[in-house]
Every structure is written in structure tokens, then in C-alpha cells.
Protein backbone atom coordinates (compact mmCIF):
# COMPACT_ATOMS: atom_id res chain seq x y z
CA UNK A 1 159.13 58.58 187.63
CA UNK A 2 160.96 61.80 186.88
CA UNK A 3 159.36 65.15 186.09
CA UNK A 4 160.78 68.61 185.54
CA UNK A 5 159.52 72.19 185.70
CA UNK A 6 161.29 75.37 184.64
CA UNK A 7 160.33 78.92 185.60
CA UNK A 8 162.00 81.32 183.21
CA UNK A 9 162.63 85.06 183.45
CA UNK A 10 161.84 85.32 187.16
CA UNK A 11 162.59 88.94 188.04
CA UNK A 12 164.96 88.24 190.91
CA UNK A 13 168.71 87.79 190.95
CA UNK A 14 170.00 84.25 190.75
CA UNK A 15 172.07 84.74 193.90
CA UNK A 16 168.95 85.44 196.01
CA UNK A 17 167.04 82.49 194.55
CA UNK A 18 169.96 80.08 195.03
CA UNK A 19 169.86 80.64 198.79
CA UNK A 20 166.30 79.24 198.87
CA UNK A 21 166.88 76.45 196.33
CA UNK A 22 169.87 75.14 198.29
CA UNK A 23 167.58 74.50 201.27
CA UNK A 24 165.21 72.14 199.40
CA UNK A 25 167.63 70.19 197.20
CA UNK A 26 167.55 66.46 198.03
CA UNK A 27 164.60 66.66 200.43
CA UNK A 28 161.19 65.04 200.17
CA UNK A 29 158.50 67.12 198.47
CA UNK A 30 156.42 67.52 201.64
CA UNK A 31 159.45 68.69 203.59
CA UNK A 32 160.34 71.13 200.80
CA UNK A 33 156.78 72.51 200.84
CA UNK A 34 157.07 73.13 204.59
CA UNK A 35 160.44 74.86 204.25
CA UNK A 36 159.19 77.12 201.47
CA UNK A 37 155.91 77.88 203.21
CA UNK A 38 157.64 79.20 206.34
CA UNK A 39 160.58 80.90 204.66
CA UNK A 40 160.82 84.69 204.98
CA UNK A 41 162.69 85.03 201.68
CA UNK A 42 160.80 86.55 198.75
CA UNK A 43 162.36 83.95 196.45
CA UNK A 44 160.43 81.19 198.24
CA UNK A 45 157.26 82.04 196.30
CA UNK A 46 158.56 81.46 192.74
CA UNK A 47 160.50 78.38 193.90
CA UNK A 48 157.34 77.00 195.50
CA UNK A 49 155.36 77.58 192.30
CA UNK A 50 158.02 75.77 190.29
CA UNK A 51 158.05 72.84 192.74
CA UNK A 52 154.25 72.55 192.57
CA UNK A 53 154.44 72.57 188.79
CA UNK A 54 157.04 69.78 188.80
CA UNK A 55 154.82 67.66 191.10
CA UNK A 56 151.81 68.28 188.84
CA UNK A 57 153.91 67.27 185.82
CA UNK A 58 154.87 64.03 187.61
CA UNK A 59 151.23 63.27 188.43
CA UNK A 60 150.18 63.93 184.83
CA UNK A 61 152.99 61.76 183.50
CA UNK A 62 151.96 58.90 185.80
CA UNK A 63 148.31 59.31 184.83
CA UNK A 64 149.20 59.04 181.13
CA UNK A 65 150.98 55.74 181.85
CA UNK A 66 147.97 54.47 183.81
CA UNK A 67 149.72 54.53 187.18
CA UNK A 68 148.79 56.17 190.46
CA UNK A 69 151.52 58.38 191.91
CA UNK A 70 151.82 58.94 195.65
CA UNK A 71 153.15 62.45 196.27
CA UNK A 72 154.71 61.28 199.55
CA UNK A 73 157.12 59.13 197.51
CA UNK A 74 158.53 62.10 195.57
CA UNK A 75 161.74 63.93 196.40
CA UNK A 76 163.55 66.93 194.92
CA UNK A 77 166.29 65.23 192.93
CA UNK A 78 167.71 68.34 191.26
CA UNK A 79 167.12 72.02 191.82
CA UNK A 80 169.27 74.74 190.34
CA UNK A 81 169.13 78.37 189.25
CA UNK A 82 170.68 79.90 186.15
CA UNK A 83 171.09 83.58 185.37
CA UNK A 84 168.69 85.03 182.85
CA UNK A 85 169.12 88.17 180.75
CA UNK A 86 169.54 91.49 182.55
CA UNK A 87 167.43 94.50 181.70
CA UNK A 88 169.81 97.43 181.36
CA UNK A 89 168.60 100.82 182.55
CA UNK A 90 170.29 104.13 183.33
CA UNK A 91 169.91 106.43 186.30
CA UNK A 92 170.97 110.06 186.56
CA UNK A 93 174.17 110.54 188.55
CA UNK A 94 176.24 113.49 189.71
CA UNK A 95 177.69 116.03 187.29
CA UNK A 96 175.54 115.00 184.34
CA UNK A 97 176.71 111.41 184.27
CA UNK A 98 174.64 108.26 184.06
CA UNK A 99 174.89 105.27 186.39
CA UNK A 100 173.89 101.80 185.12
CA UNK A 101 171.08 99.78 186.70
CA UNK A 102 170.91 96.06 185.89
CA UNK A 103 167.57 94.42 186.60
CA UNK A 104 168.59 90.79 186.87
CA UNK A 105 166.44 87.77 186.04
CA UNK A 106 166.85 84.06 186.66
CA UNK A 107 165.68 80.67 185.43
CA UNK A 108 164.61 78.17 188.14
CA UNK A 109 164.69 74.43 187.36
CA UNK A 110 163.26 71.76 189.69
CA UNK A 111 163.38 68.01 188.99
CA UNK A 112 161.37 65.62 191.17
CA UNK A 113 161.80 61.85 191.23
CA UNK A 114 160.45 58.89 193.18
CA UNK A 115 162.47 57.67 196.17
CA UNK A 116 164.01 54.58 194.60
């Protein structure tokens, strides 16, 4: 049973989110919840929401097929982060110049699967 969730346009750079996603890849869902719950990184919150959505999608998919899914049997099979579009802004700089500001976004993808 495989299920996927994607969080798009998360207003955080992909580099910061990848540090959190690398910690949960390949682990069981309960272990990933624990890691994200006690992480000090701000990126842990959107990653946790995406993981919960993927688990809910798996439960819904199993329910549609008439099966009962045990959450303890799920693991994070894939988790990756892609760069989203950057908002481009300008800030005043010395001597009448302008300095660019790029507000980066990212797309978080989490795939959960049963431990088979």
C-alpha cells in the first residue's frame, strides 16, 4: 500500500528543508513522528504536516479497498524536496543602488509504504 503527499510552495528554502527530510527517509512512520516532534528546526513543522497527510492518504486508500491499515506497518519510503519558484524583491543599497532579495520556496514530497 503506497500513498503520497506533496506540500507545494512552502515558504522556506529547499536547503533548510532537506536537512530535516534526510533524517526521516527510510524510517518507520512512528519513528519519523518522534524525530519531527522533537526537532528544533522550523522546517520540521511543514514536513510533519506532509507526513501526516501521506499517512491519511494511505488510510483512505486502504479504506476504499475495504482493508484495515495498521499505521505501525508504514514506513517513509521516499522523501525529497524540490525548489519552488523564488519571489524576487529589491532592497535599497548604498549609493542609490538596489540589492536583490530572493524569497525561496520549496515543494516537499513524502511517500509512505507498508513494510514488505
